[in-house]
Every structure is written in C-alpha cells, then in structure tokens.
Amino acid sequence: MRVDAVGEADLSDLLPMMRAYCDFYEASPSDARLEALARALIADPDHEGIQLIARDDDGLPLGFATVFWTWQTLNAARAGVMNDLFVVPRLRGRGVGGKLIEECRRRSREHGAAELVWETAPDNEIAQSLYRSLGAREQRWISFALDA
C-alpha cells in the first residue's frame, strides 16, 4: 500500500470516494463543487491543504484523506485539520485508515503544524475505535455551524 498526494491524474479515482464520503454523512454537494475543492488543493497545497490517496500495489484506490492548514490560538501554533478520512467500505479494518492518518500526521509536521486534529460523528464508533488505537486523545468540544 502507498499513500501519495492527490494530483490531476488521481481525480477519476478520488471523486467517487469523495461522493461516497458525502453520502455516508448524508451531505449532498454537487460533483462540480467536490471537483473544485480537489482542484483547489492540488493548485495550492502550501496554503490550502492537501488530499492524500491510498492505493494498493496494483494502483487500485483504497481511501483518501483531506487536511486543511490553520492556526490554533489556544496553543499558539499551526495545526493540520483532517477534515475527511474515507476508506472503501469493503477494505475497512485492514490498516488503510491508520496509514492515511499517519501520513496526514507526517505531512502536518512537515508543514510546521504542532498538531493534527479532527472530528467525527458521535455515532461513528468504528472510526473512534481506530483513532483510540492510534493513541489519539478525545477532545471535549461541541461543534456549531452557521451558513455564511
């Protein structure tokens, strides 16, 4: 298995996984908006963030992750925000998620971030089990959102 930064040539494999990820969370951005997001990250990974794609030895896509760059005032340091983590359902439990997270962590450290942070749905217990197995700490925050 290998994990690489997403490039133009990866879009045909990435976009169906992004759609499946959105479907899982019952979100429905258009395909055009998902593609625009991916292209924005490809165009400016130093400022926007990065998408990673995991592939098996034959090049078949296994999953993806998205990290956005930001700052956190409470520790006065840069942070990588892992906004997305998706593994093809039939391949879950085989180490793909852990490999993607470790690469997100490595890339965040390389970018100067002090932490890699993320959120998951309260009922996504399978993902929470993975996160705990990697030594991730649970945070006690409640998320809010407003339309812009």
C-alpha atoms as a PDB file:
ATOM      1  CA  MET A   1       0.000   0.000   0.000  1.00  0.00           C
ATOM      2  CA  ARG A   2       1.189   3.511  -0.738  1.00  0.00           C
ATOM      3  CA  VAL A   3      -0.168   6.948   0.159  1.00  0.00           C
ATOM      4  CA  ASP A   4       0.524   9.891  -2.137  1.00  0.00           C
ATOM      5  CA  ALA A   5      -0.635  13.466  -2.575  1.00  0.00           C
ATOM      6  CA  VAL A   6      -3.556  13.709  -4.984  1.00  0.00           C
ATOM      7  CA  GLY A   7      -2.730  15.061  -8.434  1.00  0.00           C
ATOM      8  CA  GLU A   8      -4.783  15.665 -11.562  1.00  0.00           C
ATOM      9  CA  ALA A   9      -4.343  12.042 -12.663  1.00  0.00           C
ATOM     10  CA  ASP A  10      -5.983  10.851  -9.405  1.00  0.00           C
ATOM     11  CA  LEU A  11      -9.257  12.765  -9.792  1.00  0.00           C
ATOM     12  CA  SER A  12     -11.134   9.968 -11.586  1.00  0.00           C
ATOM     13  CA  ASP A  13     -10.462   7.675  -8.590  1.00  0.00           C
ATOM     14  CA  LEU A  14     -10.777  10.331  -5.902  1.00  0.00           C
ATOM     15  CA  LEU A  15     -14.113  11.897  -6.851  1.00  0.00           C
ATOM     16  CA  PRO A  16     -16.235   8.723  -6.447  1.00  0.00           C
ATOM     17  CA  MET A  17     -14.730   8.245  -2.974  1.00  0.00           C
ATOM     18  CA  MET A  18     -15.490  11.874  -2.088  1.00  0.00           C
ATOM     19  CA  ARG A  19     -19.103  11.268  -3.184  1.00  0.00           C
ATOM     20  CA  ALA A  20     -19.311   8.090  -1.079  1.00  0.00           C
ATOM     21  CA  TYR A  21     -17.903  10.011   1.906  1.00  0.00           C
ATOM     22  CA  CYS A  22     -20.557  12.706   1.482  1.00  0.00           C
ATOM     23  CA  ASP A  23     -23.273  10.070   1.107  1.00  0.00           C
ATOM     24  CA  PHE A  24     -22.154   8.444   4.362  1.00  0.00           C
ATOM     25  CA  TYR A  25     -22.638  11.755   6.175  1.00  0.00           C
ATOM     26  CA  GLU A  26     -25.863  12.487   4.250  1.00  0.00           C
ATOM     27  CA  ALA A  27     -24.385  15.590   2.618  1.00  0.00           C
ATOM     28  CA  SER A  28     -25.041  16.489  -0.992  1.00  0.00           C
ATOM     29  CA  PRO A  29     -22.631  18.995  -2.533  1.00  0.00           C
ATOM     30  CA  SER A  30     -22.615  18.854  -6.314  1.00  0.00           C
ATOM     31  CA  ASP A  31     -19.989  16.840  -8.142  1.00  0.00           C
ATOM     32  CA  ALA A  32     -18.738  20.110  -9.629  1.00  0.00           C
ATOM     33  CA  ARG A  33     -18.158  21.566  -6.146  1.00  0.00           C
ATOM     34  CA  LEU A  34     -16.333  18.442  -4.987  1.00  0.00           C
ATOM     35  CA  GLU A  35     -14.094  18.604  -8.027  1.00  0.00           C
ATOM     36  CA  ALA A  36     -13.470  22.320  -7.460  1.00  0.00           C
ATOM     37  CA  LEU A  37     -12.402  21.575  -3.870  1.00  0.00           C
ATOM     38  CA  ALA A  38      -9.990  18.860  -5.008  1.00  0.00           C
ATOM     39  CA  ARG A  39      -8.549  21.087  -7.735  1.00  0.00           C
ATOM     40  CA  ALA A  40      -8.061  23.981  -5.283  1.00  0.00           C
ATOM     41  CA  LEU A  41      -5.976  21.727  -3.048  1.00  0.00           C
ATOM     42  CA  ILE A  42      -3.937  20.426  -5.988  1.00  0.00           C
ATOM     43  CA  ALA A  43      -3.286  24.017  -7.118  1.00  0.00           C
ATOM     44  CA  ASP A  44      -2.128  25.399  -3.754  1.00  0.00           C
ATOM     45  CA  PRO A  45      -1.163  22.715  -1.228  1.00  0.00           C
ATOM     46  CA  ASP A  46       1.135  25.041   0.724  1.00  0.00           C
ATOM     47  CA  HIS A  47      -1.693  27.413   1.647  1.00  0.00           C
ATOM     48  CA  GLU A  48      -4.948  25.481   1.258  1.00  0.00           C
ATOM     49  CA  GLY A  49      -4.169  21.943   2.355  1.00  0.00           C
ATOM     50  CA  ILE A  50      -3.624  18.555   0.814  1.00  0.00           C
ATOM     51  CA  GLN A  51      -5.557  15.485  -0.190  1.00  0.00           C
ATOM     52  CA  LEU A  52      -3.945  12.080   0.073  1.00  0.00           C
ATOM     53  CA  ILE A  53      -4.954   8.915  -1.733  1.00  0.00           C
ATOM     54  CA  ALA A  54      -4.126   5.381  -0.631  1.00  0.00           C
ATOM     55  CA  ARG A  55      -3.620   2.749  -3.327  1.00  0.00           C
ATOM     56  CA  ASP A  56      -2.812  -0.941  -3.271  1.00  0.00           C
ATOM     57  CA  ASP A  57       0.196  -2.387  -5.081  1.00  0.00           C
ATOM     58  CA  ASP A  58      -1.854  -2.632  -8.290  1.00  0.00           C
ATOM     59  CA  GLY A  59      -2.845   1.041  -8.100  1.00  0.00           C
ATOM     60  CA  LEU A  60      -6.448   0.456  -7.023  1.00  0.00           C
ATOM     61  CA  PRO A  61      -7.812   3.232  -4.772  1.00  0.00           C
ATOM     62  CA  LEU A  62      -8.343   2.247  -1.143  1.00  0.00           C
ATOM     63  CA  GLY A  63      -9.264   5.548   0.515  1.00  0.00           C
ATOM     64  CA  PHE A  64      -8.458   9.219   0.889  1.00  0.00           C
ATOM     65  CA  ALA A  65      -7.900  11.908   3.486  1.00  0.00           C
ATOM     66  CA  THR A  66      -8.043  15.702   3.356  1.00  0.00           C
ATOM     67  CA  VAL A  67      -6.001  18.016   5.583  1.00  0.00           C
ATOM     68  CA  PHE A  68      -6.528  21.779   5.714  1.00  0.00           C
ATOM     69  CA  TRP A  69      -3.968  24.155   7.226  1.00  0.00           C
ATOM     70  CA  THR A  70      -4.910  26.565  10.005  1.00  0.00           C
ATOM     71  CA  TRP A  71      -3.750  28.060  13.305  1.00  0.00           C
ATOM     72  CA  GLN A  72      -4.951  27.333  16.834  1.00  0.00           C
ATOM     73  CA  THR A  73      -4.868  30.209  19.261  1.00  0.00           C
ATOM     74  CA  LEU A  74      -5.102  28.028  22.389  1.00  0.00           C
ATOM     75  CA  ASN A  75      -1.661  26.558  21.724  1.00  0.00           C
ATOM     76  CA  ALA A  76      -0.400  29.411  19.516  1.00  0.00           C
ATOM     77  CA  ALA A  77       0.674  27.042  16.776  1.00  0.00           C
ATOM     78  CA  ARG A  78      -0.182  25.810  13.316  1.00  0.00           C
ATOM     79  CA  ALA A  79      -2.471  22.801  13.013  1.00  0.00           C
ATOM     80  CA  GLY A  80      -3.474  20.371  10.325  1.00  0.00           C
ATOM     81  CA  VAL A  81      -7.214  19.702  10.322  1.00  0.00           C
ATOM     82  CA  MET A  82      -8.027  16.281   8.964  1.00  0.00           C
ATOM     83  CA  ASN A  83     -11.411  17.185   7.565  1.00  0.00           C
ATOM     84  CA  ASP A  84     -12.014  13.899   5.734  1.00  0.00           C
ATOM     85  CA  LEU A  85     -10.980  10.288   6.197  1.00  0.00           C
ATOM     86  CA  PHE A  86     -12.582   7.664   3.992  1.00  0.00           C
ATOM     87  CA  VAL A  87     -11.754   4.024   3.348  1.00  0.00           C
ATOM     88  CA  VAL A  88     -13.600   1.957   0.750  1.00  0.00           C
ATOM     89  CA  PRO A  89     -16.148   0.035   2.882  1.00  0.00           C
ATOM     90  CA  ARG A  90     -15.102  -3.480   1.835  1.00  0.00           C
ATOM     91  CA  LEU A  91     -11.484  -2.644   2.795  1.00  0.00           C
ATOM     92  CA  ARG A  92     -12.082  -1.272   6.287  1.00  0.00           C
ATOM     93  CA  GLY A  93     -10.228  -2.897   9.151  1.00  0.00           C
ATOM     94  CA  ARG A  94      -7.129  -3.611   7.052  1.00  0.00           C
ATOM     95  CA  GLY A  95      -4.906  -0.718   8.147  1.00  0.00           C
ATOM     96  CA  VAL A  96      -5.776   1.753   5.390  1.00  0.00           C
ATOM     97  CA  GLY A  97      -7.249   4.348   7.764  1.00  0.00           C
ATOM     98  CA  GLY A  98      -4.281   4.148  10.103  1.00  0.00           C
ATOM     99  CA  LYS A  99      -1.848   4.525   7.222  1.00  0.00           C
ATOM    100  CA  LEU A 100      -3.745   7.590   5.935  1.00  0.00           C
ATOM    101  CA  ILE A 101      -3.794   9.177   9.399  1.00  0.00           C
ATOM    102  CA  GLU A 102      -0.076   8.599   9.903  1.00  0.00           C
ATOM    103  CA  GLU A 103       0.649  10.220   6.540  1.00  0.00           C
ATOM    104  CA  CYS A 104      -1.622  13.164   7.463  1.00  0.00           C
ATOM    105  CA  ARG A 105       0.334  13.472  10.688  1.00  0.00           C
ATOM    106  CA  ARG A 106       3.674  13.342   8.887  1.00  0.00           C
ATOM    107  CA  ARG A 107       2.601  15.925   6.315  1.00  0.00           C
ATOM    108  CA  SER A 108       1.244  18.184   9.073  1.00  0.00           C
ATOM    109  CA  ARG A 109       4.524  18.010  10.977  1.00  0.00           C
ATOM    110  CA  GLU A 110       6.395  18.708   7.718  1.00  0.00           C
ATOM    111  CA  HIS A 111       4.174  21.772   7.183  1.00  0.00           C
ATOM    112  CA  GLY A 112       5.101  23.094  10.659  1.00  0.00           C
ATOM    113  CA  ALA A 113       1.936  22.068  12.483  1.00  0.00           C
ATOM    114  CA  ALA A 114       2.081  21.240  16.177  1.00  0.00           C
ATOM    115  CA  GLU A 115      -0.996  19.005  15.975  1.00  0.00           C
ATOM    116  CA  LEU A 116      -3.229  17.083  13.630  1.00  0.00           C
ATOM    117  CA  VAL A 117      -6.833  17.498  14.768  1.00  0.00           C
ATOM    118  CA  TRP A 118     -10.172  16.173  13.510  1.00  0.00           C
ATOM    119  CA  GLU A 119     -13.796  15.473  14.370  1.00  0.00           C
ATOM    120  CA  THR A 120     -16.105  12.551  13.778  1.00  0.00           C
ATOM    121  CA  ALA A 121     -19.795  11.925  14.229  1.00  0.00           C
ATOM    122  CA  PRO A 122     -20.704  10.827  17.783  1.00  0.00           C
ATOM    123  CA  ASP A 123     -22.185   7.586  16.453  1.00  0.00           C
ATOM    124  CA  ASN A 124     -19.198   6.666  14.258  1.00  0.00           C
ATOM    125  CA  GLU A 125     -17.886   4.177  16.804  1.00  0.00           C
ATOM    126  CA  ILE A 126     -15.795   2.192  14.326  1.00  0.00           C
ATOM    127  CA  ALA A 127     -13.774   5.293  13.433  1.00  0.00           C
ATOM    128  CA  GLN A 128     -13.462   6.238  17.112  1.00  0.00           C
ATOM    129  CA  SER A 129     -12.030   2.800  17.835  1.00  0.00           C
ATOM    130  CA  LEU A 130      -9.380   3.332  15.158  1.00  0.00           C
ATOM    131  CA  TYR A 131      -8.497   6.784  16.494  1.00  0.00           C
ATOM    132  CA  ARG A 132      -8.089   5.487  20.045  1.00  0.00           C
ATOM    133  CA  SER A 133      -5.929   2.589  18.824  1.00  0.00           C
ATOM    134  CA  LEU A 134      -3.517   5.144  17.323  1.00  0.00           C
ATOM    135  CA  GLY A 135      -3.229   6.990  20.635  1.00  0.00           C
ATOM    136  CA  ALA A 136      -5.400   9.954  19.648  1.00  0.00           C
ATOM    137  CA  ARG A 137      -6.838  11.991  22.523  1.00  0.00           C
ATOM    138  CA  GLU A 138     -10.533  12.831  22.638  1.00  0.00           C
ATOM    139  CA  GLN A 139     -11.297  16.499  22.927  1.00  0.00           C
ATOM    140  CA  ARG A 140     -14.358  17.893  24.692  1.00  0.00           C
ATOM    141  CA  TRP A 141     -15.726  20.418  22.216  1.00  0.00           C
ATOM    142  CA  ILE A 142     -19.164  20.816  20.711  1.00  0.00           C
ATOM    143  CA  SER A 143     -19.239  21.835  17.053  1.00  0.00           C
ATOM    144  CA  PHE A 144     -21.506  24.598  15.755  1.00  0.00           C
ATOM    145  CA  ALA A 145     -22.087  25.903  12.247  1.00  0.00           C
ATOM    146  CA  LEU A 146     -23.796  28.880  10.592  1.00  0.00           C
ATOM    147  CA  ASP A 147     -24.437  29.383   6.921  1.00  0.00           C
ATOM    148  CA  ALA A 148     -22.105  32.085   5.623  1.00  0.00           C
END
